[in-house]
Amino acid sequence: MSNLAILNTSIRTHESLFSLNDLHKASGGAEKHRPSLFIRLDTTQDLISEIQKEVKSTDLIFKTTGGRGLRGTYACEELVLSYAMWISPKFHLIVLRAFLAMHRNQPQQLALPEPEKKFTFEFTEYELQQLVWAWFALLRGTELCEVLHPSLKQIGSYYAAPAHDIAYEYRSTLRQAHNVLTRITEQFECEQGNNWRVLKYLRAYNPKKTGFQLEIL
């Protein structure tokens, strides 16, 4: 497969993913089109969820890396095309034609996705409580990093980039875990005197809210 190039800009690849940062550069590099803003969109997160239903659990959809020469956000072809459309229809057409040219001599085999496997497990009530507390810990961690990131960036701290990643890259994980945990704990009541008091955070969580969640409680 030949290398992908958009408007004379070579698009780096990493683990079969394409650099959104290079796409951003090729599109003109407007601040409003930064890849991080695209990844945070609810529509992007919904698309990621749909793609995850059709691929193996080990397949990468997007990845943020800090490696030398590879720093940035990398995404699968579907997300690249969605990102290009988000920027503009004109840029989407340019990227789409570039992919078609890249694949021209490599016909793709079409196949229906395999049905998603389902598993049955038994949990004690205490184990279910611990799962919800683990979700709550991730929520607290992401919001803490979101608060700390501007100050860390201002002082040039090495931890600014990891804090940014934790603050924003795990939002999809929070949303998906919230859906699962809400379903498997619906029979329990929130009680302040025991470990189920954490349910008030789970049930008050709004997956579409972009600001802080904990301040509402």
N, C-alpha and C. Protein backbone atom coordinates (compact mmCIF):
# COMPACT_ATOMS: atom_id res chain seq x y z
N MET A 1 0.84 -1.18 0.00
CA MET A 1 0.00 0.00 0.00
C MET A 1 0.88 1.24 0.00
N SER A 2 0.59 2.20 -0.89
CA SER A 2 1.39 3.41 -0.96
C SER A 2 1.09 4.33 0.21
N ASN A 3 2.00 5.24 0.48
CA ASN A 3 1.79 6.20 1.56
C ASN A 3 0.69 7.18 1.18
N LEU A 4 -0.06 7.61 2.18
CA LEU A 4 -1.14 8.56 1.95
C LEU A 4 -0.59 9.98 1.97
N ALA A 5 -0.96 10.78 0.98
CA ALA A 5 -0.55 12.18 0.92
C ALA A 5 -1.76 13.04 0.61
N ILE A 6 -1.94 14.12 1.37
CA ILE A 6 -3.07 15.02 1.19
C ILE A 6 -2.53 16.42 0.91
N LEU A 7 -2.83 16.97 -0.26
CA LEU A 7 -2.38 18.32 -0.63
C LEU A 7 -0.89 18.49 -0.39
N ASN A 8 -0.12 17.54 -0.88
CA ASN A 8 1.35 17.54 -0.77
C ASN A 8 1.86 17.38 0.66
N THR A 9 0.97 16.99 1.58
CA THR A 9 1.38 16.71 2.95
C THR A 9 1.37 15.21 3.17
N SER A 10 2.50 14.64 3.55
CA SER A 10 2.58 13.20 3.81
C SER A 10 1.91 12.90 5.14
N ILE A 11 1.03 11.92 5.15
CA ILE A 11 0.29 11.56 6.35
C ILE A 11 0.97 10.36 7.02
N ARG A 12 1.50 10.59 8.21
CA ARG A 12 2.19 9.51 8.92
C ARG A 12 1.19 8.43 9.34
N THR A 13 1.71 7.21 9.46
CA THR A 13 0.91 6.10 9.96
C THR A 13 1.59 5.47 11.17
N HIS A 14 0.77 4.89 12.03
CA HIS A 14 1.28 4.22 13.23
C HIS A 14 0.32 3.10 13.59
N GLU A 15 0.80 1.88 13.55
CA GLU A 15 -0.02 0.71 13.88
C GLU A 15 -1.31 0.70 13.05
N SER A 16 -1.16 0.94 11.74
CA SER A 16 -2.26 0.92 10.77
C SER A 16 -3.25 2.07 10.95
N LEU A 17 -2.88 3.06 11.74
CA LEU A 17 -3.71 4.25 11.93
C LEU A 17 -3.06 5.44 11.24
N PHE A 18 -3.84 6.47 10.95
CA PHE A 18 -3.36 7.65 10.24
C PHE A 18 -3.35 8.86 11.16
N SER A 19 -2.38 9.72 10.96
CA SER A 19 -2.19 10.88 11.82
C SER A 19 -3.24 11.97 11.55
N LEU A 20 -4.07 12.25 12.56
CA LEU A 20 -5.03 13.35 12.43
C LEU A 20 -4.31 14.70 12.48
N ASN A 21 -3.17 14.73 13.15
CA ASN A 21 -2.40 15.98 13.22
C ASN A 21 -1.90 16.38 11.84
N ASP A 22 -1.46 15.39 11.05
CA ASP A 22 -1.02 15.67 9.69
C ASP A 22 -2.20 16.10 8.81
N LEU A 23 -3.36 15.47 9.01
CA LEU A 23 -4.56 15.90 8.29
C LEU A 23 -4.91 17.34 8.65
N HIS A 24 -4.79 17.67 9.93
CA HIS A 24 -5.06 19.03 10.40
C HIS A 24 -4.13 20.02 9.70
N LYS A 25 -2.86 19.67 9.61
CA LYS A 25 -1.89 20.52 8.93
C LYS A 25 -2.24 20.70 7.47
N ALA A 26 -2.61 19.60 6.81
CA ALA A 26 -2.94 19.66 5.38
C ALA A 26 -4.18 20.51 5.12
N SER A 27 -5.10 20.56 6.08
CA SER A 27 -6.34 21.31 5.91
C SER A 27 -6.15 22.81 6.12
N GLY A 28 -5.00 23.20 6.63
CA GLY A 28 -4.74 24.62 6.89
C GLY A 28 -4.39 24.93 8.32
N GLY A 29 -4.61 23.95 9.22
CA GLY A 29 -4.19 24.10 10.61
C GLY A 29 -5.00 25.07 11.44
N ALA A 30 -6.26 25.28 11.10
CA ALA A 30 -7.10 26.19 11.88
C ALA A 30 -7.28 25.68 13.30
N GLU A 31 -7.24 26.60 14.27
CA GLU A 31 -7.37 26.22 15.68
C GLU A 31 -8.69 25.49 15.95
N LYS A 32 -9.76 25.92 15.29
CA LYS A 32 -11.08 25.32 15.52
C LYS A 32 -11.19 23.89 14.97
N HIS A 33 -10.18 23.47 14.21
CA HIS A 33 -10.19 22.13 13.62
C HIS A 33 -9.18 21.19 14.26
N ARG A 34 -8.71 21.51 15.46
CA ARG A 34 -7.75 20.65 16.14
C ARG A 34 -8.34 19.26 16.36
N PRO A 35 -7.55 18.19 16.17
CA PRO A 35 -8.05 16.82 16.34
C PRO A 35 -8.67 16.57 17.72
N SER A 36 -8.11 17.18 18.76
CA SER A 36 -8.63 16.96 20.12
C SER A 36 -10.08 17.43 20.24
N LEU A 37 -10.44 18.50 19.53
CA LEU A 37 -11.82 18.99 19.56
C LEU A 37 -12.75 18.02 18.84
N PHE A 38 -12.27 17.44 17.76
CA PHE A 38 -13.06 16.46 17.01
C PHE A 38 -13.31 15.21 17.84
N ILE A 39 -12.28 14.71 18.53
CA ILE A 39 -12.41 13.49 19.33
C ILE A 39 -13.41 13.66 20.45
N ARG A 40 -13.53 14.88 20.99
CA ARG A 40 -14.44 15.11 22.12
C ARG A 40 -15.91 15.16 21.72
N LEU A 41 -16.20 15.34 20.44
CA LEU A 41 -17.58 15.47 20.00
C LEU A 41 -18.39 14.22 20.34
N ASP A 42 -19.65 14.42 20.74
CA ASP A 42 -20.53 13.28 21.01
C ASP A 42 -20.71 12.43 19.77
N THR A 43 -20.81 13.07 18.59
CA THR A 43 -20.98 12.31 17.35
C THR A 43 -19.76 11.44 17.06
N THR A 44 -18.57 11.95 17.41
CA THR A 44 -17.36 11.15 17.21
C THR A 44 -17.33 9.97 18.16
N GLN A 45 -17.69 10.21 19.42
CA GLN A 45 -17.73 9.13 20.40
C GLN A 45 -18.76 8.07 20.00
N ASP A 46 -19.89 8.51 19.45
CA ASP A 46 -20.90 7.55 18.99
C ASP A 46 -20.37 6.73 17.82
N LEU A 47 -19.63 7.38 16.92
CA LEU A 47 -19.04 6.66 15.78
C LEU A 47 -18.02 5.64 16.27
N ILE A 48 -17.19 6.03 17.23
CA ILE A 48 -16.21 5.11 17.80
C ILE A 48 -16.90 3.90 18.40
N SER A 49 -18.00 4.14 19.11
CA SER A 49 -18.76 3.03 19.72
C SER A 49 -19.29 2.07 18.66
N GLU A 50 -19.79 2.62 17.55
CA GLU A 50 -20.32 1.77 16.48
C GLU A 50 -19.21 0.96 15.83
N ILE A 51 -18.05 1.59 15.62
CA ILE A 51 -16.93 0.86 15.00
C ILE A 51 -16.46 -0.25 15.92
N GLN A 52 -16.43 0.02 17.23
CA GLN A 52 -15.96 -0.98 18.20
C GLN A 52 -16.84 -2.22 18.20
N LYS A 53 -18.10 -2.08 17.83
CA LYS A 53 -19.01 -3.23 17.78
C LYS A 53 -18.65 -4.19 16.65
N GLU A 54 -17.91 -3.69 15.65
CA GLU A 54 -17.66 -4.48 14.46
C GLU A 54 -16.22 -4.95 14.32
N VAL A 55 -15.37 -4.61 15.27
CA VAL A 55 -13.97 -5.00 15.17
C VAL A 55 -13.58 -5.86 16.36
N LYS A 56 -12.44 -6.49 16.26
CA LYS A 56 -11.92 -7.29 17.36
C LYS A 56 -11.51 -6.37 18.49
N SER A 57 -11.56 -6.88 19.71
CA SER A 57 -11.21 -6.06 20.87
C SER A 57 -9.77 -5.59 20.83
N THR A 58 -8.93 -6.32 20.08
CA THR A 58 -7.51 -5.96 20.01
C THR A 58 -7.22 -4.94 18.90
N ASP A 59 -8.21 -4.67 18.04
CA ASP A 59 -8.00 -3.73 16.95
C ASP A 59 -8.04 -2.29 17.47
N LEU A 60 -7.09 -1.48 17.01
CA LEU A 60 -7.04 -0.09 17.41
C LEU A 60 -7.94 0.75 16.52
N ILE A 61 -8.65 1.69 17.13
CA ILE A 61 -9.50 2.62 16.40
C ILE A 61 -8.85 4.00 16.37
N PHE A 62 -8.40 4.45 17.52
CA PHE A 62 -7.59 5.66 17.56
C PHE A 62 -6.65 5.58 18.75
N LYS A 63 -5.56 6.33 18.66
CA LYS A 63 -4.53 6.26 19.69
C LYS A 63 -3.78 7.58 19.75
N THR A 64 -3.49 8.03 20.96
CA THR A 64 -2.65 9.21 21.16
C THR A 64 -1.30 8.75 21.66
N THR A 65 -0.24 9.18 21.00
CA THR A 65 1.09 8.75 21.38
C THR A 65 2.03 9.93 21.53
N GLY A 66 3.03 9.76 22.37
CA GLY A 66 4.02 10.81 22.58
C GLY A 66 5.39 10.40 22.10
N GLY A 67 5.46 9.32 21.34
CA GLY A 67 6.75 8.82 20.89
C GLY A 67 7.46 9.79 19.96
N ARG A 68 8.77 9.74 19.97
CA ARG A 68 9.57 10.64 19.13
C ARG A 68 9.24 10.41 17.66
N GLY A 69 8.89 11.50 16.98
CA GLY A 69 8.56 11.43 15.57
C GLY A 69 7.15 10.93 15.30
N LEU A 70 6.45 10.51 16.35
CA LEU A 70 5.09 9.98 16.18
C LEU A 70 4.07 10.70 17.04
N ARG A 71 4.46 11.74 17.72
CA ARG A 71 3.58 12.41 18.68
C ARG A 71 2.31 12.90 17.99
N GLY A 72 1.18 12.63 18.61
CA GLY A 72 -0.08 13.10 18.06
C GLY A 72 -1.18 12.07 18.20
N THR A 73 -2.29 12.33 17.52
CA THR A 73 -3.45 11.45 17.56
C THR A 73 -3.59 10.72 16.23
N TYR A 74 -3.73 9.41 16.30
CA TYR A 74 -3.85 8.56 15.11
C TYR A 74 -5.22 7.88 15.12
N ALA A 75 -5.81 7.72 13.94
CA ALA A 75 -7.16 7.18 13.85
C ALA A 75 -7.31 6.24 12.66
N CYS A 76 -8.34 5.39 12.75
CA CYS A 76 -8.62 4.47 11.65
C CYS A 76 -9.21 5.24 10.46
N GLU A 77 -9.34 4.56 9.34
CA GLU A 77 -9.76 5.22 8.11
C GLU A 77 -11.15 5.85 8.24
N GLU A 78 -12.07 5.14 8.92
CA GLU A 78 -13.42 5.68 9.07
C GLU A 78 -13.41 7.01 9.84
N LEU A 79 -12.61 7.06 10.91
CA LEU A 79 -12.53 8.29 11.69
C LEU A 79 -11.83 9.40 10.91
N VAL A 80 -10.83 9.03 10.12
CA VAL A 80 -10.14 10.03 9.29
C VAL A 80 -11.13 10.70 8.34
N LEU A 81 -11.96 9.89 7.68
CA LEU A 81 -12.94 10.44 6.75
C LEU A 81 -13.98 11.29 7.47
N SER A 82 -14.38 10.87 8.67
CA SER A 82 -15.32 11.65 9.46
C SER A 82 -14.70 12.98 9.88
N TYR A 83 -13.43 12.92 10.26
CA TYR A 83 -12.71 14.14 10.63
C TYR A 83 -12.63 15.11 9.45
N ALA A 84 -12.35 14.58 8.27
CA ALA A 84 -12.26 15.42 7.08
C ALA A 84 -13.61 16.07 6.77
N MET A 85 -14.71 15.33 6.93
CA MET A 85 -16.03 15.89 6.70
C MET A 85 -16.35 16.97 7.71
N TRP A 86 -15.91 16.77 8.95
CA TRP A 86 -16.13 17.77 10.01
C TRP A 86 -15.44 19.08 9.64
N ILE A 87 -14.29 19.00 9.01
CA ILE A 87 -13.56 20.21 8.62
C ILE A 87 -14.31 20.93 7.50
N SER A 88 -14.63 20.21 6.43
CA SER A 88 -15.40 20.81 5.34
C SER A 88 -15.72 19.74 4.30
N PRO A 89 -16.82 19.89 3.56
CA PRO A 89 -17.12 18.94 2.48
C PRO A 89 -16.02 18.91 1.43
N LYS A 90 -15.42 20.05 1.13
CA LYS A 90 -14.35 20.10 0.13
C LYS A 90 -13.15 19.28 0.57
N PHE A 91 -12.75 19.44 1.84
CA PHE A 91 -11.60 18.69 2.34
C PHE A 91 -11.93 17.21 2.42
N HIS A 92 -13.17 16.89 2.77
CA HIS A 92 -13.60 15.50 2.82
C HIS A 92 -13.46 14.84 1.45
N LEU A 93 -13.84 15.55 0.40
CA LEU A 93 -13.73 15.02 -0.96
C LEU A 93 -12.27 14.77 -1.33
N ILE A 94 -11.39 15.68 -0.93
CA ILE A 94 -9.96 15.52 -1.22
C ILE A 94 -9.42 14.28 -0.53
N VAL A 95 -9.76 14.10 0.75
CA VAL A 95 -9.27 12.96 1.52
C VAL A 95 -9.87 11.66 0.99
N LEU A 96 -11.15 11.68 0.67
CA LEU A 96 -11.81 10.49 0.14
C LEU A 96 -11.14 10.04 -1.16
N ARG A 97 -10.86 10.97 -2.05
CA ARG A 97 -10.21 10.62 -3.32
C ARG A 97 -8.79 10.11 -3.10
N ALA A 98 -8.12 10.64 -2.08
CA ALA A 98 -6.77 10.17 -1.78
C ALA A 98 -6.80 8.72 -1.30
N PHE A 99 -7.79 8.38 -0.48
CA PHE A 99 -7.92 7.00 -0.02
C PHE A 99 -8.28 6.07 -1.18
N LEU A 100 -9.17 6.53 -2.05
CA LEU A 100 -9.54 5.71 -3.21
C LEU A 100 -8.34 5.44 -4.09
N ALA A 101 -7.51 6.47 -4.28
CA ALA A 101 -6.31 6.28 -5.09
C ALA A 101 -5.35 5.30 -4.43
N MET A 102 -5.27 5.37 -3.08
CA MET A 102 -4.37 4.50 -2.34
C MET A 102 -4.82 3.04 -2.43
N HIS A 103 -6.14 2.84 -2.45
CA HIS A 103 -6.68 1.48 -2.46
C HIS A 103 -6.97 0.98 -3.89
N ARG A 104 -6.71 1.78 -4.88
CA ARG A 104 -7.17 1.49 -6.25
C ARG A 104 -6.82 0.08 -6.72
N ASN A 105 -5.63 -0.36 -6.43
CA ASN A 105 -5.19 -1.66 -6.91
C ASN A 105 -5.31 -2.75 -5.86
N GLN A 106 -6.08 -2.45 -4.80
CA GLN A 106 -6.25 -3.44 -3.73
C GLN A 106 -7.73 -3.58 -3.40
N PRO A 107 -8.46 -4.41 -4.16
CA PRO A 107 -9.88 -4.58 -3.90
C PRO A 107 -10.13 -5.07 -2.48
N GLN A 108 -11.14 -4.50 -1.86
CA GLN A 108 -11.45 -4.86 -0.49
C GLN A 108 -12.55 -5.92 -0.45
N GLN A 109 -12.38 -6.90 0.39
CA GLN A 109 -13.38 -7.95 0.55
C GLN A 109 -14.42 -7.48 1.56
N LEU A 110 -15.68 -7.46 1.14
CA LEU A 110 -16.75 -7.03 2.02
C LEU A 110 -17.30 -8.22 2.78
N ALA A 111 -17.56 -8.01 4.06
CA ALA A 111 -18.11 -9.09 4.88
C ALA A 111 -18.96 -8.48 5.98
N LEU A 112 -20.01 -9.18 6.33
CA LEU A 112 -20.85 -8.72 7.43
C LEU A 112 -20.12 -8.95 8.75
N PRO A 113 -20.27 -8.04 9.71
CA PRO A 113 -19.62 -8.22 11.00
C PRO A 113 -20.18 -9.43 11.75
N GLU A 114 -19.35 -10.12 12.48
CA GLU A 114 -19.80 -11.24 13.28
C GLU A 114 -20.66 -10.74 14.44
N PRO A 115 -21.66 -11.52 14.84
CA PRO A 115 -22.49 -11.12 15.98
C PRO A 115 -21.61 -10.92 17.22
N GLU A 116 -21.94 -9.91 17.99
CA GLU A 116 -21.17 -9.63 19.18
C GLU A 116 -21.35 -10.75 20.21
N LYS A 117 -20.26 -11.25 20.77
CA LYS A 117 -20.32 -12.32 21.74
C LYS A 117 -20.86 -11.79 23.07
N LYS A 118 -21.62 -12.63 23.75
CA LYS A 118 -22.15 -12.27 25.06
C LYS A 118 -21.69 -13.29 26.09
N PHE A 119 -21.43 -12.81 27.31
CA PHE A 119 -20.92 -13.66 28.37
C PHE A 119 -21.78 -13.46 29.62
N THR A 120 -21.85 -14.50 30.42
CA THR A 120 -22.60 -14.45 31.67
C THR A 120 -21.65 -14.70 32.83
N PHE A 121 -21.68 -13.79 33.82
CA PHE A 121 -20.84 -13.94 35.00
C PHE A 121 -21.70 -13.76 36.25
N GLU A 122 -21.19 -14.27 37.35
CA GLU A 122 -21.85 -14.07 38.63
C GLU A 122 -21.00 -13.15 39.50
N PHE A 123 -21.64 -12.13 40.08
CA PHE A 123 -20.95 -11.18 40.95
C PHE A 123 -21.64 -11.13 42.30
N THR A 124 -20.85 -10.96 43.35
CA THR A 124 -21.44 -10.67 44.65
C THR A 124 -21.84 -9.21 44.68
N GLU A 125 -22.67 -8.85 45.63
CA GLU A 125 -23.09 -7.45 45.74
C GLU A 125 -21.88 -6.56 46.02
N TYR A 126 -20.95 -7.05 46.84
CA TYR A 126 -19.74 -6.29 47.15
C TYR A 126 -18.91 -6.05 45.89
N GLU A 127 -18.80 -7.06 45.03
CA GLU A 127 -18.02 -6.90 43.79
C GLU A 127 -18.65 -5.86 42.87
N LEU A 128 -19.98 -5.85 42.80
CA LEU A 128 -20.65 -4.84 41.99
C LEU A 128 -20.40 -3.44 42.55
N GLN A 129 -20.42 -3.33 43.86
CA GLN A 129 -20.13 -2.04 44.48
C GLN A 129 -18.73 -1.56 44.11
N GLN A 130 -17.76 -2.48 44.14
CA GLN A 130 -16.38 -2.10 43.82
C GLN A 130 -16.23 -1.65 42.37
N LEU A 131 -17.00 -2.26 41.47
CA LEU A 131 -16.96 -1.84 40.07
C LEU A 131 -17.45 -0.40 39.92
N VAL A 132 -18.52 -0.06 40.64
CA VAL A 132 -19.04 1.30 40.56
C VAL A 132 -18.06 2.29 41.19
N TRP A 133 -17.43 1.90 42.30
CA TRP A 133 -16.43 2.77 42.93
C TRP A 133 -15.23 2.98 42.01
N ALA A 134 -14.85 1.95 41.25
CA ALA A 134 -13.74 2.09 40.31
C ALA A 134 -14.10 3.10 39.21
N TRP A 135 -15.35 3.04 38.75
CA TRP A 135 -15.83 4.01 37.75
C TRP A 135 -15.79 5.42 38.35
N PHE A 136 -16.23 5.55 39.60
CA PHE A 136 -16.24 6.85 40.27
C PHE A 136 -14.82 7.40 40.42
N ALA A 137 -13.87 6.52 40.73
CA ALA A 137 -12.47 6.94 40.86
C ALA A 137 -11.94 7.48 39.54
N LEU A 138 -12.32 6.83 38.41
CA LEU A 138 -11.90 7.33 37.10
C LEU A 138 -12.53 8.69 36.82
N LEU A 139 -13.80 8.86 37.18
CA LEU A 139 -14.46 10.15 36.98
C LEU A 139 -13.74 11.25 37.76
N ARG A 140 -13.41 10.98 39.01
CA ARG A 140 -12.69 11.97 39.83
C ARG A 140 -11.32 12.27 39.24
N GLY A 141 -10.65 11.22 38.77
CA GLY A 141 -9.31 11.40 38.21
C GLY A 141 -9.32 12.26 36.95
N THR A 142 -10.29 12.01 36.06
CA THR A 142 -10.37 12.78 34.82
C THR A 142 -10.68 14.24 35.11
N GLU A 143 -11.58 14.49 36.05
CA GLU A 143 -11.93 15.88 36.35
C GLU A 143 -10.79 16.60 37.06
N LEU A 144 -10.05 15.89 37.92
CA LEU A 144 -8.88 16.49 38.56
C LEU A 144 -7.84 16.88 37.54
N CYS A 145 -7.58 15.98 36.58
CA CYS A 145 -6.58 16.28 35.55
C CYS A 145 -7.02 17.43 34.66
N GLU A 146 -8.33 17.55 34.43
CA GLU A 146 -8.82 18.66 33.63
C GLU A 146 -8.56 19.99 34.33
N VAL A 147 -8.67 20.00 35.66
CA VAL A 147 -8.40 21.21 36.44
C VAL A 147 -6.91 21.52 36.46
N LEU A 148 -6.09 20.49 36.61
CA LEU A 148 -4.65 20.69 36.73
C LEU A 148 -3.95 21.01 35.42
N HIS A 149 -4.51 20.53 34.31
CA HIS A 149 -3.81 20.64 33.02
C HIS A 149 -3.39 22.05 32.64
N PRO A 150 -4.26 23.09 32.75
CA PRO A 150 -3.83 24.43 32.35
C PRO A 150 -2.62 24.93 33.13
N SER A 151 -2.59 24.67 34.43
CA SER A 151 -1.46 25.12 35.25
C SER A 151 -0.19 24.35 34.91
N LEU A 152 -0.32 23.05 34.70
CA LEU A 152 0.84 22.24 34.34
C LEU A 152 1.41 22.68 32.98
N LYS A 153 0.51 23.00 32.06
CA LYS A 153 0.95 23.45 30.74
C LYS A 153 1.64 24.80 30.84
N GLN A 154 1.11 25.68 31.70
CA GLN A 154 1.68 27.02 31.84
C GLN A 154 3.10 27.00 32.38
N ILE A 155 3.38 26.07 33.29
CA ILE A 155 4.72 26.01 33.87
C ILE A 155 5.64 25.08 33.08
N GLY A 156 5.13 24.53 31.97
CA GLY A 156 5.95 23.67 31.12
C GLY A 156 6.25 22.32 31.73
N SER A 157 5.34 21.81 32.55
CA SER A 157 5.57 20.54 33.23
C SER A 157 5.48 19.36 32.27
N TYR A 158 6.32 18.36 32.51
CA TYR A 158 6.29 17.12 31.73
C TYR A 158 4.92 16.44 31.87
N TYR A 159 4.25 16.67 33.00
CA TYR A 159 2.99 15.98 33.27
C TYR A 159 1.79 16.65 32.61
N ALA A 160 2.01 17.76 31.90
CA ALA A 160 0.89 18.43 31.23
C ALA A 160 0.24 17.53 30.19
N ALA A 161 1.06 16.86 29.36
CA ALA A 161 0.51 15.99 28.31
C ALA A 161 -0.23 14.79 28.89
N PRO A 162 0.36 14.05 29.88
CA PRO A 162 -0.40 12.94 30.47
C PRO A 162 -1.69 13.40 31.14
N ALA A 163 -1.66 14.59 31.80
CA ALA A 163 -2.87 15.10 32.44
C ALA A 163 -3.94 15.38 31.40
N HIS A 164 -3.54 15.94 30.25
CA HIS A 164 -4.49 16.20 29.17
C HIS A 164 -5.09 14.90 28.66
N ASP A 165 -4.25 13.88 28.46
CA ASP A 165 -4.73 12.60 27.96
C ASP A 165 -5.75 11.98 28.91
N ILE A 166 -5.44 12.01 30.21
CA ILE A 166 -6.35 11.42 31.20
C ILE A 166 -7.65 12.21 31.25
N ALA A 167 -7.56 13.53 31.14
CA ALA A 167 -8.75 14.38 31.24
C ALA A 167 -9.72 14.18 30.09
N TYR A 168 -9.19 13.90 28.89
CA TYR A 168 -10.07 13.89 27.72
C TYR A 168 -10.18 12.54 27.00
N GLU A 169 -9.13 11.72 27.03
CA GLU A 169 -9.15 10.49 26.25
C GLU A 169 -9.99 9.39 26.88
N TYR A 170 -10.31 9.51 28.20
CA TYR A 170 -11.06 8.46 28.87
C TYR A 170 -12.54 8.79 29.01
N ARG A 171 -12.98 9.87 28.38
CA ARG A 171 -14.39 10.22 28.47
C ARG A 171 -15.28 9.16 27.82
N SER A 172 -14.80 8.59 26.72
CA SER A 172 -15.56 7.53 26.07
C SER A 172 -15.68 6.31 26.98
N THR A 173 -14.58 5.99 27.68
CA THR A 173 -14.60 4.86 28.62
C THR A 173 -15.61 5.10 29.73
N LEU A 174 -15.65 6.33 30.25
CA LEU A 174 -16.61 6.68 31.29
C LEU A 174 -18.05 6.50 30.79
N ARG A 175 -18.31 6.96 29.57
CA ARG A 175 -19.67 6.86 29.02
C ARG A 175 -20.10 5.41 28.86
N GLN A 176 -19.21 4.60 28.29
CA GLN A 176 -19.58 3.21 28.03
C GLN A 176 -19.70 2.41 29.32
N ALA A 177 -18.79 2.64 30.26
CA ALA A 177 -18.87 1.94 31.54
C ALA A 177 -20.13 2.37 32.30
N HIS A 178 -20.48 3.64 32.18
CA HIS A 178 -21.70 4.14 32.83
C HIS A 178 -22.93 3.38 32.34
N ASN A 179 -23.01 3.14 31.03
CA ASN A 179 -24.15 2.42 30.48
C ASN A 179 -24.23 1.00 31.04
N VAL A 180 -23.11 0.32 31.10
CA VAL A 180 -23.09 -1.06 31.59
C VAL A 180 -23.42 -1.11 33.08
N LEU A 181 -22.77 -0.25 33.86
CA LEU A 181 -22.97 -0.28 35.31
C LEU A 181 -24.39 0.13 35.69
N THR A 182 -24.96 1.08 34.96
CA THR A 182 -26.35 1.47 35.22
C THR A 182 -27.28 0.29 35.02
N ARG A 183 -27.01 -0.49 33.98
CA ARG A 183 -27.88 -1.64 33.68
C ARG A 183 -27.76 -2.74 34.72
N ILE A 184 -26.55 -3.04 35.17
CA ILE A 184 -26.38 -4.19 36.07
C ILE A 184 -26.59 -3.83 37.55
N THR A 185 -26.82 -2.54 37.85
CA THR A 185 -27.07 -2.15 39.25
C THR A 185 -28.44 -1.54 39.44
N GLU A 186 -29.30 -1.65 38.44
CA GLU A 186 -30.60 -0.97 38.52
C GLU A 186 -31.48 -1.50 39.65
N GLN A 187 -31.23 -2.71 40.13
CA GLN A 187 -32.07 -3.28 41.19
C GLN A 187 -31.70 -2.76 42.58
N PHE A 188 -30.57 -2.05 42.70
CA PHE A 188 -30.11 -1.60 44.00
C PHE A 188 -30.50 -0.15 44.26
N GLU A 189 -30.71 0.15 45.53
CA GLU A 189 -31.07 1.50 45.94
C GLU A 189 -29.85 2.23 46.48
N CYS A 190 -29.82 3.52 46.25
CA CYS A 190 -28.74 4.35 46.79
C CYS A 190 -28.97 4.55 48.28
N GLU A 191 -28.03 4.09 49.10
CA GLU A 191 -28.15 4.21 50.56
C GLU A 191 -26.90 4.87 51.11
N GLN A 192 -27.08 5.91 51.90
CA GLN A 192 -25.95 6.67 52.43
C GLN A 192 -25.13 5.90 53.46
N GLY A 193 -25.74 4.90 54.07
CA GLY A 193 -25.05 4.19 55.15
C GLY A 193 -24.17 3.04 54.70
N ASN A 194 -24.08 2.77 53.40
CA ASN A 194 -23.24 1.66 52.95
C ASN A 194 -22.58 2.02 51.61
N ASN A 195 -21.95 1.03 51.00
CA ASN A 195 -21.18 1.28 49.78
C ASN A 195 -22.04 1.66 48.58
N TRP A 196 -23.36 1.50 48.66
CA TRP A 196 -24.20 1.88 47.54
C TRP A 196 -24.44 3.39 47.48
N ARG A 197 -23.88 4.14 48.42
CA ARG A 197 -24.00 5.59 48.33
C ARG A 197 -23.36 6.13 47.05
N VAL A 198 -22.44 5.36 46.45
CA VAL A 198 -21.78 5.78 45.20
C VAL A 198 -22.78 5.85 44.04
N LEU A 199 -23.94 5.18 44.18
CA LEU A 199 -24.90 5.18 43.08
C LEU A 199 -25.43 6.58 42.77
N LYS A 200 -25.39 7.49 43.74
CA LYS A 200 -25.89 8.84 43.46
C LYS A 200 -25.04 9.52 42.38
N TYR A 201 -23.75 9.18 42.33
CA TYR A 201 -22.88 9.75 41.30
C TYR A 201 -23.12 9.08 39.95
N LEU A 202 -23.30 7.76 40.00
CA LEU A 202 -23.53 7.02 38.76
C LEU A 202 -24.83 7.47 38.10
N ARG A 203 -25.88 7.64 38.90
CA ARG A 203 -27.20 7.95 38.34
C ARG A 203 -27.37 9.42 38.00
N ALA A 204 -26.53 10.26 38.59
CA ALA A 204 -26.59 11.69 38.24
C ALA A 204 -25.69 12.03 37.06
N TYR A 205 -24.86 11.09 36.65
CA TYR A 205 -23.91 11.34 35.56
C TYR A 205 -24.65 11.56 34.25
N ASN A 206 -24.26 12.60 33.53
CA ASN A 206 -24.86 12.93 32.25
C ASN A 206 -23.82 12.73 31.15
N PRO A 207 -23.94 11.68 30.32
CA PRO A 207 -22.93 11.38 29.30
C PRO A 207 -22.73 12.51 28.29
N LYS A 208 -23.73 13.37 28.12
CA LYS A 208 -23.63 14.44 27.14
C LYS A 208 -23.08 15.74 27.72
N LYS A 209 -22.92 15.79 29.03
CA LYS A 209 -22.40 17.00 29.67
C LYS A 209 -20.89 17.08 29.46
N THR A 210 -20.39 18.24 29.07
CA THR A 210 -18.96 18.40 28.81
C THR A 210 -18.22 19.01 29.99
N GLY A 211 -18.95 19.62 30.92
CA GLY A 211 -18.30 20.23 32.09
C GLY A 211 -18.10 19.22 33.20
N PHE A 212 -17.89 19.73 34.41
CA PHE A 212 -17.66 18.86 35.54
C PHE A 212 -18.97 18.22 36.00
N GLN A 213 -18.88 16.96 36.43
CA GLN A 213 -20.06 16.22 36.89
C GLN A 213 -20.20 16.27 38.41
N LEU A 214 -19.09 16.25 39.13
CA LEU A 214 -19.15 16.09 40.57
C LEU A 214 -19.66 17.34 41.28
N GLU A 215 -19.55 18.50 40.66
CA GLU A 215 -19.93 19.74 41.32
C GLU A 215 -21.45 19.86 41.49
N ILE A 216 -22.20 19.00 40.76
CA ILE A 216 -23.64 19.10 40.85
C ILE A 216 -24.18 18.36 42.08
N LEU A 217 -23.34 17.64 42.78
CA LEU A 217 -23.82 16.82 43.91
C LEU A 217 -23.37 17.39 45.24
